[in-house]
Amino acid sequence: MAISGATGDIRAARSAMEAECHATLLSAAATLLSEEGPAALTVRRVAERANSSTKMIYTHFGGKDGLLEALYLQSFAALEQAFKAHVAETDCAKRLASMLNAYRAFGLREPALYNVMFGDLGRAWEAPADCRKQAWRSFETLRDAVLDNLPAAHAVDAEQVTHALWSAAHGVVSLELRKLIGPRSMPDQIFDNVISSICAANGMVCKVGTA
């Protein structure tokens, strides 16, 4: 029993170390993207930033594409958690508004990850189809909030309305990140207007206010 317990402790410690290394490498990649852009994201540079070796990147991710795939999925998982932070709100209109504000706040707070998530790396990398399907599942919490706000007659349109709200929010955030709309009050107003218009067209009331 003592030997078995010691073996279990060793495995647990090794697993914890591997998880920490995995997280450190992803954090280093995200930092490089944020500070220097996609051109800086090489296996060597990520390893240097993480105070690790290139071998560790190949061990954990198989290479640069695997690293970006992991960063892509982690980013959508973080967005999903931002949505889920508001599921306890009992007022369904406020819950939907809070989730949409959370989407915008996430994009403005994490521009490098947002670029990975939505293909703004150009030809440098494109998420595989199965990853994109998994990413869309991150929006199920938002879709549920949409469904709770839709009149019964429009319930079958929940996914379509969710896509419409996402498209509108994404458009505003993308322009805002590129500083193509401003001053600060203008993005707030545009975001509120486009979201309110889509909601009103589908029998919902949702005022998002500011991010």
Protein backbone atom coordinates (compact mmCIF):
# COMPACT_ATOMS: atom_id res chain seq x y z
CA MET A 1 0.00 0.00 0.00
CA ALA A 2 2.85 2.39 0.89
CA ILE A 3 4.55 1.77 -2.45
CA SER A 4 1.28 2.24 -4.29
CA GLY A 5 0.62 5.51 -2.47
CA ALA A 6 4.10 6.82 -3.22
CA THR A 7 3.67 5.96 -6.89
CA GLY A 8 0.38 7.85 -6.92
CA ASP A 9 2.01 10.89 -5.32
CA ILE A 10 4.78 10.87 -7.90
CA ARG A 11 2.29 10.65 -10.76
CA ALA A 12 0.21 13.47 -9.29
CA ALA A 13 3.29 15.66 -8.91
CA ARG A 14 4.40 14.90 -12.45
CA SER A 15 0.93 15.68 -13.77
CA ALA A 16 0.89 18.98 -11.90
CA MET A 17 4.29 19.91 -13.31
CA GLU A 18 3.17 19.09 -16.84
CA ALA A 19 0.01 21.16 -16.42
CA GLU A 20 2.06 24.09 -15.11
CA CYS A 21 4.48 23.85 -18.04
CA HIS A 22 1.56 23.68 -20.48
CA ALA A 23 0.00 26.80 -18.95
CA THR A 24 3.32 28.67 -18.87
CA LEU A 25 3.95 28.03 -22.56
CA LEU A 26 0.45 29.22 -23.49
CA SER A 27 0.88 32.33 -21.36
CA ALA A 28 4.22 33.07 -23.04
CA ALA A 29 2.63 32.72 -26.47
CA ALA A 30 -0.23 35.04 -25.52
CA THR A 31 2.20 37.64 -24.15
CA LEU A 32 4.32 37.57 -27.31
CA LEU A 33 1.23 38.02 -29.45
CA SER A 34 0.06 40.93 -27.35
CA GLU A 35 3.43 42.70 -27.22
CA GLU A 36 4.92 41.99 -30.64
CA GLY A 37 2.23 40.54 -32.91
CA PRO A 38 1.99 37.29 -34.94
CA ALA A 39 5.44 37.60 -36.53
CA ALA A 40 7.05 37.14 -33.11
CA LEU A 41 5.25 33.87 -32.43
CA THR A 42 7.93 31.33 -33.24
CA VAL A 43 8.72 28.16 -31.33
CA ARG A 44 12.09 29.57 -30.34
CA ARG A 45 10.70 32.90 -29.09
CA VAL A 46 7.94 31.25 -27.09
CA ALA A 47 10.45 28.89 -25.48
CA GLU A 48 12.71 31.81 -24.58
CA ARG A 49 9.82 33.81 -23.09
CA ALA A 50 8.74 30.79 -21.04
CA ASN A 51 12.34 30.10 -19.92
CA SER A 52 11.91 26.66 -21.42
CA SER A 53 13.17 24.64 -24.38
CA THR A 54 11.76 24.23 -27.86
CA LYS A 55 11.59 20.51 -27.10
CA MET A 56 8.92 21.21 -24.46
CA ILE A 57 6.75 22.96 -27.03
CA TYR A 58 6.98 20.00 -29.36
CA THR A 59 6.31 17.63 -26.46
CA HIS A 60 3.20 19.48 -25.31
CA PHE A 61 1.81 20.79 -28.59
CA GLY A 62 3.61 19.11 -31.47
CA GLY A 63 4.81 22.45 -32.80
CA LYS A 64 3.63 25.97 -33.54
CA ASP A 65 0.29 24.95 -35.07
CA GLY A 66 -0.55 22.82 -32.06
CA LEU A 67 0.39 25.69 -29.77
CA LEU A 68 -1.93 28.05 -31.63
CA GLU A 69 -4.71 25.47 -31.59
CA ALA A 70 -4.40 25.11 -27.82
CA LEU A 71 -4.33 28.90 -27.40
CA TYR A 72 -7.41 29.17 -29.64
CA LEU A 73 -9.41 26.67 -27.59
CA GLN A 74 -8.23 28.13 -24.28
CA SER A 75 -9.33 31.58 -25.42
CA PHE A 76 -12.82 30.39 -26.26
CA ALA A 77 -12.98 28.55 -22.93
CA ALA A 78 -12.13 31.85 -21.20
CA LEU A 79 -14.88 33.60 -23.16
CA GLU A 80 -17.33 30.89 -22.12
CA GLN A 81 -16.42 31.48 -18.48
CA ALA A 82 -17.03 35.21 -19.00
CA PHE A 83 -20.55 34.34 -20.19
CA LYS A 84 -21.14 31.88 -17.34
CA ALA A 85 -20.20 34.50 -14.76
CA HIS A 86 -23.66 36.00 -15.36
CA VAL A 87 -25.89 32.92 -15.41
CA ALA A 88 -27.06 33.56 -11.85
CA GLU A 89 -28.73 36.85 -12.87
CA THR A 90 -32.46 36.19 -12.46
CA ASP A 91 -33.61 39.04 -14.71
CA CYS A 92 -33.30 37.44 -18.16
CA ALA A 93 -32.95 40.79 -19.98
CA LYS A 94 -30.15 41.89 -17.64
CA ARG A 95 -28.50 38.47 -17.99
CA LEU A 96 -28.38 38.74 -21.78
CA ALA A 97 -27.13 42.33 -21.63
CA SER A 98 -24.42 41.35 -19.15
CA MET A 99 -23.23 38.51 -21.37
CA LEU A 100 -23.05 40.73 -24.43
CA ASN A 101 -21.14 43.34 -22.45
CA ALA A 102 -18.84 40.57 -21.24
CA TYR A 103 -18.13 39.62 -24.86
CA ARG A 104 -17.14 43.16 -25.73
CA ALA A 105 -15.08 43.58 -22.57
CA PHE A 106 -13.24 40.33 -23.27
CA GLY A 107 -12.34 41.41 -26.80
CA LEU A 108 -11.09 44.81 -25.67
CA ARG A 109 -9.17 43.34 -22.73
CA GLU A 110 -7.55 40.49 -24.68
CA PRO A 111 -6.95 41.80 -28.22
CA ALA A 112 -4.18 39.30 -29.02
CA LEU A 113 -6.33 36.32 -28.02
CA TYR A 114 -9.28 37.84 -29.88
CA ASN A 115 -7.15 37.90 -33.02
CA VAL A 116 -6.31 34.22 -32.58
CA MET A 117 -9.97 33.36 -32.01
CA PHE A 118 -11.32 35.14 -35.06
CA GLY A 119 -8.73 34.52 -37.73
CA ASP A 120 -6.96 37.85 -37.82
CA LEU A 121 -3.58 36.12 -38.07
CA GLY A 122 -4.13 35.99 -41.81
CA ARG A 123 -2.39 33.13 -43.58
CA ALA A 124 -0.14 32.47 -40.60
CA TRP A 125 -2.67 30.02 -39.14
CA GLU A 126 -6.27 28.92 -39.54
CA ALA A 127 -8.19 26.92 -36.95
CA PRO A 128 -9.12 23.38 -38.07
CA ALA A 129 -12.81 22.67 -38.64
CA ASP A 130 -13.20 20.52 -35.53
CA CYS A 131 -11.73 23.31 -33.40
CA ARG A 132 -14.16 25.82 -34.88
CA LYS A 133 -17.05 23.52 -34.01
CA GLN A 134 -15.80 23.24 -30.46
CA ALA A 135 -15.38 27.01 -30.28
CA TRP A 136 -19.00 27.57 -31.28
CA ARG A 137 -20.08 25.48 -28.30
CA SER A 138 -18.64 28.25 -26.14
CA PHE A 139 -21.63 30.34 -27.22
CA GLU A 140 -24.23 27.89 -25.91
CA THR A 141 -24.53 29.88 -22.67
CA LEU A 142 -25.25 33.02 -24.67
CA ARG A 143 -27.75 31.13 -26.83
CA ASP A 144 -29.57 29.94 -23.71
CA ALA A 145 -29.83 33.55 -22.53
CA VAL A 146 -31.22 34.53 -25.92
CA LEU A 147 -33.76 31.71 -25.74
CA ASP A 148 -34.92 32.89 -22.30
CA ASN A 149 -35.58 36.36 -23.74
CA LEU A 150 -37.27 35.39 -26.98
CA PRO A 151 -41.07 35.33 -27.19
CA ALA A 152 -42.38 31.78 -27.49
CA ALA A 153 -43.26 32.32 -31.14
CA HIS A 154 -39.59 33.06 -31.94
CA ALA A 155 -38.01 30.33 -29.81
CA VAL A 156 -37.06 28.27 -32.87
CA ASP A 157 -34.90 31.19 -34.04
CA ALA A 158 -32.68 31.23 -30.94
CA GLU A 159 -29.55 30.08 -32.73
CA GLN A 160 -30.06 32.45 -35.64
CA VAL A 161 -30.62 35.40 -33.29
CA THR A 162 -27.53 34.42 -31.31
CA HIS A 163 -25.48 34.45 -34.51
CA ALA A 164 -26.92 37.86 -35.39
CA LEU A 165 -26.04 39.31 -31.99
CA TRP A 166 -22.57 37.78 -32.14
CA SER A 167 -22.02 39.19 -35.65
CA ALA A 168 -23.07 42.66 -34.55
CA ALA A 169 -20.97 42.57 -31.38
CA HIS A 170 -17.98 41.22 -33.27
CA GLY A 171 -18.23 43.95 -35.88
CA VAL A 172 -18.21 46.72 -33.29
CA VAL A 173 -15.39 45.17 -31.26
CA SER A 174 -13.25 44.59 -34.35
CA LEU A 175 -13.63 48.20 -35.49
CA GLU A 176 -13.03 49.43 -31.97
CA LEU A 177 -9.80 47.44 -31.63
CA ARG A 178 -8.56 48.98 -34.86
CA LYS A 179 -9.50 52.43 -33.57
CA LEU A 180 -11.74 52.96 -36.57
CA ILE A 181 -14.63 54.28 -34.49
CA GLY A 182 -14.38 56.87 -31.75
CA PRO A 183 -14.30 58.85 -29.52
CA ARG A 184 -15.10 56.52 -26.60
CA SER A 185 -18.79 57.48 -26.43
CA MET A 186 -19.32 56.52 -30.08
CA PRO A 187 -18.50 52.79 -29.73
CA ASP A 188 -20.72 52.63 -26.64
CA GLN A 189 -23.62 54.15 -28.54
CA ILE A 190 -23.09 52.06 -31.66
CA PHE A 191 -22.83 48.85 -29.63
CA ASP A 192 -26.04 49.64 -27.78
CA ASN A 193 -27.84 50.61 -30.99
CA VAL A 194 -26.97 47.52 -33.01
CA ILE A 195 -27.73 45.15 -30.13
CA SER A 196 -31.00 46.93 -29.30
CA SER A 197 -32.07 46.87 -32.96
CA ILE A 198 -31.54 43.12 -33.33
CA CYS A 199 -33.31 42.45 -30.04
CA ALA A 200 -36.24 44.69 -30.92
CA ALA A 201 -36.61 43.00 -34.32
CA ASN A 202 -37.03 39.70 -32.51
CA GLY A 203 -39.41 40.84 -29.79
CA MET A 204 -36.77 41.30 -27.07
CA VAL A 205 -35.64 44.24 -24.97
CA CYS A 206 -31.91 44.44 -24.22
CA LYS A 207 -29.99 47.60 -23.34
CA VAL A 208 -26.30 46.85 -23.03
CA GLY A 209 -25.05 50.29 -22.00
CA THR A 210 -21.26 50.44 -21.80
CA ALA A 211 -18.58 47.73 -21.66
